[in-house]
Amino acid sequence: MTDPVPRLPPLLEAVLSVGTDLELRVTLQHIVDSAAELTGARYAALGVADPGLDGLVEICTAGPSDGGTAVADDSADDSLGVPIRVDDQEFGTLHLSDKEGGPFTAEDEQLLQLLATQAGIAIGNARLYETARQRERWIEGAAAVTTALLTGEAAADALMTVAERARVLADAAAGVILQATSEGGMEIVTASTLDDPGDIVGTTIEPGSPVLEQLLGGEPVFIEDSATDPRMTTPVRSRFGPSMMLPLQADGRLIGTLALPRRRGDRPYTSVERLLATQFASQAALALVLADAQHSRERLAVYEDRDRIARDLHDLVVQRLFATGMMLESTQRRGTGGEGDDVHDTLGHAVDELQSTIQEVRTAIFALQQPPADAPTTLRGKVLRETAGAAAVLGFQPSVHFTGPVENRVTEPVAGHLLAALRRKLAAASRRPGVSRIEVTVDATATLRDGRPGLRLTVYDDGAREDGEGPGTTVTWQSPL
């Protein structure tokens, strides 16, 4: 007895095979292979109507084992084409050509239409699965970025965290962050790439660029090909293809722009990827704002605590030391002859030590008032930073004394020369044997030999002298003001 539908088992097998995998690319390959097997076609290809919709830039093909690729022509006698629709929208066309044993028949077309119907359902399911997977990855990535930023990263590290995570999620060639410049343009301040990003960081978009108004206005920009798009003007654009430029904006504040370019020839970004990346950028911007606010609160707490310590030192310690010094000076003036001379000398030494201690406490108060995480901007702060760095080598903190209005009288160039001299003299002192004490004095009231007002730096250490004349070495540096 003859089977009325001899190709029904292969059809059922083909229908089942196209729905066995939820990976879109694998599903498409099953469709093409099944179509070729059902009809006996030597070549089968699936042309996608909108390559950007699913990120598919190539046509899936099946054919001889030699790897040949068919160029299907539906107008030819030995070719057949059937459209595939997904949710009432055209997805693409399934092309067949070069059937073994003769031309394609009406039965071949019916089988192909049945397969195309089932393929549309399978493609729809694969799309839903892929969208869910992408959404899950982007949500997890945004959560990871938020967690990392709120753990107290520095500003530059925070931007790199955003750029790096976005690059991986988007499967991009680079993740870069641009920020506005004072000249009205934008500059790449952070870059995460698979290669050395050295030639990318510092690249600028000059004022007047067609894309600049959109970026500074906080609008997303989607580029099909960075190398040929006339809106792109940076010198590095030639190496990139599809790109997304997304605003990092929260609470009306534009932090910058997150750009995610792919290499030339890579698949375009899908509408789903664009949406998820835009949502990621919004959440990352909010995390950056929150992290900055948290960092500011922590710095404020440190400032307040340091201010309290400084007030306590000034109100309690300095005043008590000053009062004690006054009493000792009064006693010193009453000392007379004989043993009184020894008492006079002892009291004089005690007064000197108290004055030195008062100066040390005042220096400590000034140090407490310096920002804990920022580089000092005043000459006092810079000198204290240099001596603090030397303390790590010496094992003790050099004492520092300032005389006169060092902040008001010393210009920036002179301050730079003084700091360089201080570094050299501290390094020389650290190499001398037996050093247990170093005293640094910066005097803005000095008078040079020619009578001009000057700035004098004196560094004393109690280490062994090279000439063997006794302990202690004093070196000076001076400059006119």
Protein backbone atom coordinates (compact mmCIF):
# COMPACT_ATOMS: atom_id res chain seq x y z
CA MET A 1 0.00 0.00 0.00
CA THR A 2 1.38 3.38 -1.01
CA ASP A 3 1.72 6.12 1.58
CA PRO A 4 -0.71 8.94 0.49
CA VAL A 5 1.59 11.55 1.90
CA PRO A 6 5.04 10.02 1.45
CA ARG A 7 6.90 13.10 2.81
CA LEU A 8 4.76 13.56 5.93
CA PRO A 9 7.29 11.94 8.34
CA PRO A 10 10.17 14.11 7.14
CA LEU A 11 7.90 17.17 7.36
CA LEU A 12 6.92 16.35 10.94
CA GLU A 13 10.55 15.79 11.78
CA ALA A 14 11.47 19.13 10.19
CA VAL A 15 8.68 20.95 12.04
CA LEU A 16 9.87 19.50 15.32
CA SER A 17 13.53 20.25 14.64
CA VAL A 18 13.01 23.96 14.01
CA GLY A 19 11.50 24.38 17.46
CA THR A 20 13.99 22.33 19.46
CA ASP A 21 16.38 25.22 20.13
CA LEU A 22 15.68 28.69 21.49
CA GLU A 23 18.85 30.25 20.07
CA LEU A 24 17.75 32.39 17.12
CA ARG A 25 20.74 31.68 14.91
CA VAL A 26 20.53 27.95 15.56
CA THR A 27 16.79 28.03 14.84
CA LEU A 28 17.38 29.75 11.50
CA GLN A 29 19.99 27.17 10.56
CA HIS A 30 17.52 24.36 11.34
CA ILE A 31 14.95 26.03 9.07
CA VAL A 32 17.36 26.30 6.16
CA ASP A 33 18.68 22.75 6.55
CA SER A 34 15.15 21.31 6.87
CA ALA A 35 13.94 23.15 3.75
CA ALA A 36 16.83 21.80 1.71
CA GLU A 37 16.29 18.25 2.97
CA LEU A 38 12.51 18.25 2.38
CA THR A 39 12.68 19.51 -1.18
CA GLY A 40 15.96 18.02 -2.29
CA ALA A 41 17.39 21.46 -3.02
CA ARG A 42 21.15 21.64 -3.21
CA TYR A 43 21.13 25.23 -1.95
CA ALA A 44 18.92 27.00 0.59
CA ALA A 45 19.28 30.52 1.95
CA LEU A 46 17.34 32.73 4.31
CA GLY A 47 17.31 36.41 3.47
CA VAL A 48 16.43 38.72 6.37
CA ALA A 49 14.18 41.67 5.57
CA ASP A 50 15.49 43.91 8.37
CA PRO A 51 19.07 42.98 9.34
CA GLY A 52 19.07 45.50 12.18
CA LEU A 53 16.02 44.06 13.90
CA ASP A 54 17.76 40.93 15.15
CA GLY A 55 21.37 41.86 14.53
CA LEU A 56 21.68 39.43 11.60
CA VAL A 57 23.89 40.75 8.83
CA GLU A 58 24.48 37.51 7.01
CA ILE A 59 22.22 35.08 5.13
CA CYS A 60 22.12 31.61 6.61
CA THR A 61 22.89 29.03 3.93
CA ALA A 62 22.92 25.28 3.54
CA GLY A 63 24.43 23.47 0.60
CA PRO A 64 27.10 21.03 -0.58
CA SER A 65 29.73 19.85 1.82
CA ASP A 66 32.32 21.77 -0.15
CA GLY A 67 31.05 24.94 1.46
CA GLY A 68 29.65 26.46 -1.73
CA THR A 69 27.18 29.31 -1.38
CA ALA A 70 24.08 29.63 -3.47
CA VAL A 71 22.99 32.78 -5.17
CA ALA A 72 19.24 32.11 -5.25
CA ASP A 73 17.11 33.73 -7.95
CA ASP A 74 13.37 33.20 -7.51
CA SER A 75 12.70 34.10 -11.16
CA ALA A 76 14.71 31.12 -12.39
CA ASP A 77 12.93 27.86 -13.25
CA ASP A 78 14.95 25.88 -10.72
CA SER A 79 14.35 28.30 -7.83
CA LEU A 80 11.65 28.69 -5.23
CA GLY A 81 11.01 31.40 -2.61
CA VAL A 82 8.58 31.48 0.31
CA PRO A 83 8.14 34.38 2.74
CA ILE A 84 8.40 33.86 6.49
CA ARG A 85 6.21 36.04 8.70
CA VAL A 86 6.53 36.59 12.44
CA ASP A 87 3.60 38.24 14.24
CA ASP A 88 2.13 39.47 10.96
CA GLN A 89 5.41 41.11 9.99
CA GLU A 90 7.73 39.93 7.27
CA PHE A 91 10.87 38.41 8.73
CA GLY A 92 12.51 37.32 5.49
CA THR A 93 12.33 34.96 2.55
CA LEU A 94 13.40 31.34 2.34
CA HIS A 95 15.11 30.75 -1.02
CA LEU A 96 15.74 27.34 -2.60
CA SER A 97 17.55 26.51 -5.81
CA ASP A 98 19.11 23.71 -7.85
CA LYS A 99 16.79 20.82 -6.97
CA GLU A 100 18.13 17.35 -7.60
CA GLY A 101 16.07 15.35 -10.09
CA GLY A 102 14.13 18.16 -11.72
CA PRO A 103 12.29 21.41 -11.11
CA PHE A 104 10.40 22.31 -7.95
CA THR A 105 6.77 21.15 -7.81
CA ALA A 106 3.58 22.57 -6.29
CA GLU A 107 3.95 19.96 -3.56
CA ASP A 108 7.40 21.34 -2.77
CA GLU A 109 5.88 24.79 -2.41
CA GLN A 110 3.14 23.52 -0.08
CA LEU A 111 5.68 21.75 2.11
CA LEU A 112 7.83 24.86 2.20
CA GLN A 113 4.84 27.03 3.17
CA LEU A 114 3.99 24.67 6.05
CA LEU A 115 7.61 24.81 7.18
CA ALA A 116 7.62 28.61 6.85
CA THR A 117 4.52 28.86 9.08
CA GLN A 118 6.13 26.75 11.77
CA ALA A 119 9.39 28.67 11.31
CA GLY A 120 7.58 31.94 12.04
CA ILE A 121 6.35 30.54 15.37
CA ALA A 122 9.81 29.20 16.24
CA ILE A 123 11.48 32.50 15.35
CA GLY A 124 8.99 34.40 17.51
CA ASN A 125 9.75 32.11 20.48
CA ALA A 126 13.49 32.47 19.90
CA ARG A 127 13.13 36.24 19.82
CA LEU A 128 11.28 36.27 23.12
CA TYR A 129 13.92 34.03 24.69
CA GLU A 130 16.79 36.13 23.38
CA THR A 131 15.13 39.35 24.56
CA ALA A 132 14.60 37.87 28.03
CA ARG A 133 18.23 36.75 28.20
CA GLN A 134 19.52 40.14 27.08
CA ARG A 135 17.30 41.96 29.55
CA GLU A 136 18.53 39.72 32.37
CA ARG A 137 22.18 40.37 31.47
CA TRP A 138 21.72 44.15 31.30
CA ILE A 139 19.79 44.22 34.59
CA GLU A 140 22.48 42.17 36.32
CA GLY A 141 25.15 44.42 34.80
CA ALA A 142 23.40 47.60 35.98
CA ALA A 143 23.04 46.14 39.49
CA ALA A 144 26.74 45.20 39.55
CA VAL A 145 27.73 48.72 38.48
CA THR A 146 25.51 50.29 41.15
CA THR A 147 27.01 48.06 43.83
CA ALA A 148 30.56 48.83 42.70
CA LEU A 149 29.99 52.59 42.59
CA LEU A 150 28.40 52.75 46.02
CA THR A 151 31.36 51.00 47.65
CA GLY A 152 33.38 54.20 47.48
CA GLU A 153 35.33 54.12 44.19
CA ALA A 154 37.14 57.25 43.09
CA ALA A 155 35.53 59.29 40.31
CA ALA A 156 37.90 58.06 37.56
CA ASP A 157 37.51 54.43 38.68
CA ALA A 158 33.72 54.81 38.75
CA LEU A 159 33.63 56.02 35.13
CA MET A 160 35.88 53.14 34.07
CA THR A 161 33.56 50.67 35.82
CA VAL A 162 30.61 51.98 33.80
CA ALA A 163 32.55 51.96 30.51
CA GLU A 164 33.98 48.47 31.03
CA ARG A 165 30.70 46.83 32.04
CA ALA A 166 28.76 48.49 29.20
CA ARG A 167 31.34 47.39 26.62
CA VAL A 168 31.04 43.76 27.69
CA LEU A 169 27.23 43.81 27.82
CA ALA A 170 26.91 45.44 24.40
CA ASP A 171 29.55 43.20 22.81
CA ALA A 172 31.20 46.43 21.63
CA ALA A 173 34.76 47.08 20.53
CA ALA A 174 35.05 49.91 23.04
CA GLY A 175 33.24 51.57 25.88
CA VAL A 176 34.10 55.26 26.18
CA ILE A 177 32.81 58.14 28.25
CA LEU A 178 32.87 61.71 26.98
CA GLN A 179 32.47 64.81 29.11
CA ALA A 180 31.95 68.45 28.20
CA THR A 181 35.00 70.69 27.89
CA SER A 182 35.30 74.33 28.90
CA GLU A 183 35.55 75.28 25.21
CA GLY A 184 32.07 73.89 24.49
CA GLY A 185 33.13 70.56 22.97
CA MET A 186 33.37 67.06 24.43
CA GLU A 187 36.40 64.93 25.29
CA ILE A 188 36.89 61.20 25.81
CA VAL A 189 38.00 60.95 29.44
CA THR A 190 37.70 57.19 29.94
CA ALA A 191 38.01 54.27 27.53
CA SER A 192 37.72 50.51 27.91
CA THR A 193 38.91 48.54 24.88
CA LEU A 194 40.30 45.15 24.05
CA ASP A 195 43.40 46.93 22.74
CA ASP A 196 45.45 49.79 24.15
CA PRO A 197 43.08 52.76 24.60
CA GLY A 198 45.92 55.26 24.76
CA ASP A 199 45.12 56.86 21.41
CA ILE A 200 41.41 57.15 22.25
CA VAL A 201 41.53 58.90 25.61
CA GLY A 202 41.89 62.63 25.03
CA THR A 203 40.13 62.57 21.64
CA THR A 204 37.82 65.57 21.40
CA ILE A 205 34.67 66.52 19.54
CA GLU A 206 35.23 70.14 18.62
CA PRO A 207 32.51 72.79 18.94
CA GLY A 208 30.39 72.96 15.81
CA SER A 209 30.27 69.20 15.24
CA PRO A 210 26.82 68.14 13.95
CA VAL A 211 26.44 65.51 16.67
CA LEU A 212 27.55 67.75 19.53
CA GLU A 213 24.28 69.60 20.00
CA GLN A 214 22.44 66.32 20.50
CA LEU A 215 25.00 64.97 22.97
CA LEU A 216 25.17 68.13 25.07
CA GLY A 217 21.37 68.23 25.00
CA GLY A 218 21.24 64.79 26.58
CA GLU A 219 19.83 63.01 23.51
CA PRO A 220 20.82 59.48 22.48
CA VAL A 221 22.47 59.14 19.08
CA PHE A 222 22.51 55.89 17.10
CA ILE A 223 25.05 55.50 14.31
CA GLU A 224 24.90 52.85 11.58
CA ASP A 225 28.53 53.31 10.51
CA SER A 226 30.82 55.64 12.44
CA ALA A 227 33.41 55.68 9.66
CA THR A 228 31.04 57.10 7.04
CA ASP A 229 28.43 59.01 9.06
CA PRO A 230 28.95 62.75 8.34
CA ARG A 231 28.00 63.65 11.92
CA MET A 232 31.12 61.92 13.24
CA THR A 233 34.28 64.02 13.12
CA THR A 234 36.79 62.40 15.51
CA PRO A 235 39.99 60.93 14.02
CA VAL A 236 39.33 57.50 15.60
CA ARG A 237 35.95 57.07 13.90
CA SER A 238 37.48 55.28 10.91
CA ARG A 239 38.03 52.07 12.91
CA PHE A 240 34.42 51.77 14.13
CA GLY A 241 31.08 50.80 12.61
CA PRO A 242 27.69 50.67 14.40
CA SER A 243 27.62 52.77 17.56
CA MET A 244 25.37 54.00 20.35
CA MET A 245 25.99 57.33 22.11
CA LEU A 246 23.87 57.47 25.25
CA PRO A 247 23.43 60.30 27.75
CA LEU A 248 24.57 59.74 31.34
CA GLN A 249 21.95 61.99 32.85
CA ALA A 250 20.21 62.01 36.24
CA ASP A 251 18.14 64.63 38.08
CA GLY A 252 18.62 67.03 35.19
CA ARG A 253 22.40 66.77 35.45
CA LEU A 254 24.37 65.64 32.40
CA ILE A 255 27.43 63.77 33.63
CA GLY A 256 28.60 62.83 30.17
CA THR A 257 27.95 60.50 27.25
CA LEU A 258 28.49 56.73 27.10
CA ALA A 259 29.57 55.63 23.60
CA LEU A 260 29.60 51.95 22.58
CA PRO A 261 31.08 51.56 19.09
CA ARG A 262 31.48 48.19 17.37
CA ARG A 263 34.14 47.43 14.78
CA ARG A 264 33.50 48.06 11.09
CA GLY A 265 31.49 45.25 9.56
CA ASP A 266 30.07 44.06 12.89
CA ARG A 267 26.34 43.49 13.19
CA PRO A 268 24.19 46.55 13.84
CA TYR A 269 22.55 47.14 17.20
CA THR A 270 19.00 45.83 17.49
CA SER A 271 16.10 47.90 18.79
CA VAL A 272 16.11 45.78 21.95
CA GLU A 273 19.82 46.40 22.52
CA ARG A 274 19.33 50.13 22.03
CA LEU A 275 16.52 50.20 24.59
CA LEU A 276 18.38 48.12 27.18
CA ALA A 277 21.59 50.12 26.76
CA THR A 278 19.68 53.40 27.17
CA GLN A 279 18.10 52.09 30.39
CA PHE A 280 21.52 50.94 31.60
CA ALA A 281 22.99 54.39 30.96
CA SER A 282 20.18 56.05 32.94
CA GLN A 283 20.71 53.75 35.92
CA ALA A 284 24.49 54.11 35.74
CA ALA A 285 24.14 57.91 35.74
CA LEU A 286 21.92 57.75 38.82
CA ALA A 287 24.45 55.48 40.53
CA LEU A 288 27.24 57.94 39.68
CA VAL A 289 25.25 60.82 41.20
CA LEU A 290 24.45 58.80 44.33
CA ALA A 291 28.07 57.69 44.67
CA ASP A 292 29.26 61.28 44.33
CA ALA A 293 26.74 62.42 46.96
CA GLN A 294 27.84 59.62 49.29
CA HIS A 295 31.49 60.54 48.79
CA SER A 296 30.67 64.19 49.54
CA ARG A 297 28.86 63.22 52.74
CA GLU A 298 31.81 61.10 53.84
CA ARG A 299 34.24 63.94 53.13
CA LEU A 300 32.00 66.37 55.01
CA ALA A 301 31.97 64.03 58.00
CA VAL A 302 35.78 63.89 57.91
CA TYR A 303 36.00 67.67 57.64
CA GLU A 304 33.66 68.13 60.58
CA ASP A 305 35.64 65.66 62.68
CA ARG A 306 38.93 67.32 61.76
CA ASP A 307 37.49 70.73 62.48
CA ARG A 308 36.44 69.54 65.94
CA ILE A 309 39.93 68.14 66.62
CA ALA A 310 41.51 71.38 65.42
CA ARG A 311 39.25 73.46 67.70
CA ASP A 312 40.06 71.22 70.66
CA LEU A 313 43.77 71.51 69.98
CA HIS A 314 43.58 75.26 69.66
CA ASP A 315 41.26 75.93 72.59
CA LEU A 316 42.86 73.54 75.06
CA VAL A 317 46.43 72.71 74.12
CA VAL A 318 47.69 75.93 72.52
CA GLN A 319 46.18 78.18 75.17
CA ARG A 320 47.59 76.08 78.01
CA LEU A 321 51.02 75.97 76.40
CA PHE A 322 50.94 79.71 75.79
CA ALA A 323 49.98 80.39 79.44
CA THR A 324 52.74 78.09 80.66
CA GLY A 325 55.25 79.85 78.46
CA MET A 326 54.19 83.22 79.86
CA MET A 327 54.72 81.98 83.43
CA LEU A 328 58.15 80.59 82.56
CA GLU A 329 59.19 83.86 80.92
CA SER A 330 58.10 85.74 84.03
CA THR A 331 60.11 83.36 86.22
CA GLN A 332 63.09 83.68 83.91
CA ARG A 333 63.14 87.47 84.31
CA ARG A 334 63.29 87.09 88.10
CA GLY A 335 66.27 84.66 88.03
CA THR A 336 69.60 86.17 89.29
CA GLY A 337 73.36 85.18 89.49
CA GLY A 338 74.98 81.94 90.66
CA GLU A 339 72.65 79.07 90.47
CA GLY A 340 70.14 81.57 89.18
CA ASP A 341 72.06 81.65 85.91
CA ASP A 342 71.58 77.90 85.52
CA VAL A 343 67.91 78.31 86.30
CA HIS A 344 67.78 81.16 83.81
CA ASP A 345 69.31 78.99 81.09
CA THR A 346 67.02 76.07 81.93
CA LEU A 347 63.97 78.28 81.84
CA GLY A 348 65.12 79.77 78.56
CA HIS A 349 65.41 76.30 77.06
CA ALA A 350 61.98 75.40 78.41
CA VAL A 351 60.46 78.52 76.85
CA ASP A 352 62.06 77.67 73.49
CA GLU A 353 60.70 74.13 73.66
CA LEU A 354 57.21 75.41 74.47
CA GLN A 355 57.31 77.84 71.56
CA SER A 356 58.45 75.02 69.31
CA THR A 357 55.63 72.83 70.59
CA ILE A 358 53.07 75.58 69.97
CA GLN A 359 54.33 75.85 66.38
CA GLU A 360 54.06 72.07 65.94
CA VAL A 361 50.48 72.07 67.22
CA ARG A 362 49.55 74.91 64.90
CA THR A 363 51.06 72.98 61.99
CA ALA A 364 49.02 69.92 63.02
CA ILE A 365 45.87 72.06 63.12
CA PHE A 366 46.60 73.30 59.60
CA ALA A 367 47.16 69.73 58.40
CA LEU A 368 43.81 68.68 59.86
CA GLN A 369 42.13 71.36 57.78
CA GLN A 370 43.48 69.95 54.50
CA PRO A 371 41.09 67.89 52.31
CA PRO A 372 41.79 64.19 53.02
CA ALA A 373 41.44 62.94 49.46
CA ASP A 374 42.49 65.93 47.41
CA ALA A 375 45.94 67.22 46.59
CA PRO A 376 46.76 70.32 48.66
CA THR A 377 46.55 73.63 46.83
CA THR A 378 48.36 75.87 49.34
CA LEU A 379 52.11 76.10 49.87
CA ARG A 380 51.70 75.04 53.49
CA GLY A 381 49.76 72.00 52.44
CA LYS A 382 52.28 71.06 49.77
CA VAL A 383 55.20 71.36 52.20
CA LEU A 384 53.35 69.19 54.72
CA ARG A 385 52.65 66.63 52.00
CA GLU A 386 56.36 66.45 51.12
CA THR A 387 57.40 65.96 54.76
CA ALA A 388 54.65 63.36 55.25
CA GLY A 389 56.04 61.44 52.26
CA ALA A 390 59.54 61.62 53.76
CA ALA A 391 58.17 60.29 57.07
CA ALA A 392 57.32 57.00 55.37
CA VAL A 393 61.04 56.54 54.59
CA LEU A 394 62.48 58.04 57.75
CA GLY A 395 60.22 56.30 60.23
CA PHE A 396 59.40 59.59 61.98
CA GLN A 397 57.64 62.84 61.10
CA PRO A 398 59.88 65.85 60.42
CA SER A 399 58.83 69.00 62.27
CA VAL A 400 57.74 71.96 60.14
CA HIS A 401 57.72 75.67 61.04
CA PHE A 402 56.31 78.51 58.93
CA THR A 403 57.23 82.14 59.48
CA GLY A 404 55.46 85.04 57.84
CA PRO A 405 52.66 85.16 55.25
CA VAL A 406 53.86 82.28 53.09
CA GLU A 407 50.53 82.00 51.28
CA ASN A 408 50.32 85.66 50.30
CA ARG A 409 53.91 86.48 49.42
CA VAL A 410 55.18 83.37 47.64
CA THR A 411 54.37 83.12 43.92
CA GLU A 412 53.65 79.83 42.20
CA PRO A 413 57.03 79.58 40.37
CA VAL A 414 58.99 80.29 43.56
CA ALA A 415 56.86 77.76 45.46
CA GLY A 416 57.68 75.13 42.84
CA HIS A 417 61.42 75.74 43.20
CA LEU A 418 61.13 75.59 47.00
CA LEU A 419 59.32 72.23 46.89
CA ALA A 420 61.95 70.80 44.54
CA ALA A 421 64.71 71.96 46.89
CA LEU A 422 62.85 70.53 49.89
CA ARG A 423 62.59 67.12 48.20
CA ARG A 424 66.31 67.08 47.47
CA LYS A 425 67.30 68.09 51.01
CA LEU A 426 64.95 65.61 52.66
CA ALA A 427 66.35 62.85 50.45
CA ALA A 428 69.92 63.83 51.39
CA ALA A 429 69.05 63.91 55.10
CA SER A 430 67.44 60.48 54.93
CA ARG A 431 70.73 59.01 53.65
CA ARG A 432 72.82 60.29 56.56
CA PRO A 433 73.45 57.81 59.40
CA GLY A 434 71.97 58.37 62.82
CA VAL A 435 69.20 60.75 61.75
CA SER A 436 66.41 60.81 64.36
CA ARG A 437 65.17 64.38 63.99
CA ILE A 438 64.61 66.74 61.06
CA GLU A 439 63.43 70.33 61.35
CA VAL A 440 62.07 72.19 58.31
CA THR A 441 61.59 75.96 58.41
CA VAL A 442 59.97 78.05 55.69
CA ASP A 443 60.55 81.75 56.33
CA ALA A 444 58.76 84.32 54.16
CA THR A 445 60.24 87.25 56.14
CA ALA A 446 63.89 86.62 55.26
CA THR A 447 66.16 89.37 53.93
CA LEU A 448 68.74 88.47 51.31
CA ARG A 449 72.32 89.76 51.38
CA ASP A 450 71.50 92.42 48.81
CA GLY A 451 68.70 93.70 50.99
CA ARG A 452 65.83 92.30 48.94
CA PRO A 453 62.98 90.48 50.67
CA GLY A 454 63.26 86.76 50.18
CA LEU A 455 62.02 83.28 50.99
CA ARG A 456 64.35 80.99 52.91
CA LEU A 457 64.12 77.23 53.41
CA THR A 458 66.16 75.67 56.19
CA VAL A 459 66.43 71.92 56.76
CA TYR A 460 68.26 70.65 59.84
CA ASP A 461 68.93 67.02 60.73
CA ASP A 462 70.81 65.54 63.70
CA GLY A 463 72.61 62.86 61.71
CA ALA A 464 76.39 62.39 61.52
CA ARG A 465 78.15 65.02 59.43
CA GLU A 466 80.38 63.98 56.57
CA ASP A 467 83.30 66.09 57.89
CA GLY A 468 83.10 64.42 61.31
CA GLU A 469 82.87 67.79 63.06
CA GLY A 470 79.90 66.69 65.13
CA PRO A 471 76.24 65.87 64.83
CA GLY A 472 73.82 67.97 62.90
CA THR A 473 73.65 69.31 59.37
CA THR A 474 71.87 72.51 58.37
CA VAL A 475 71.25 73.33 54.73
CA THR A 476 69.46 76.36 53.31
CA TRP A 477 67.86 77.46 50.08
CA GLN A 478 66.61 80.95 49.36
CA SER A 479 65.02 82.97 46.62
CA PRO A 480 63.97 86.59 46.17
CA LEU A 481 60.25 87.34 46.41
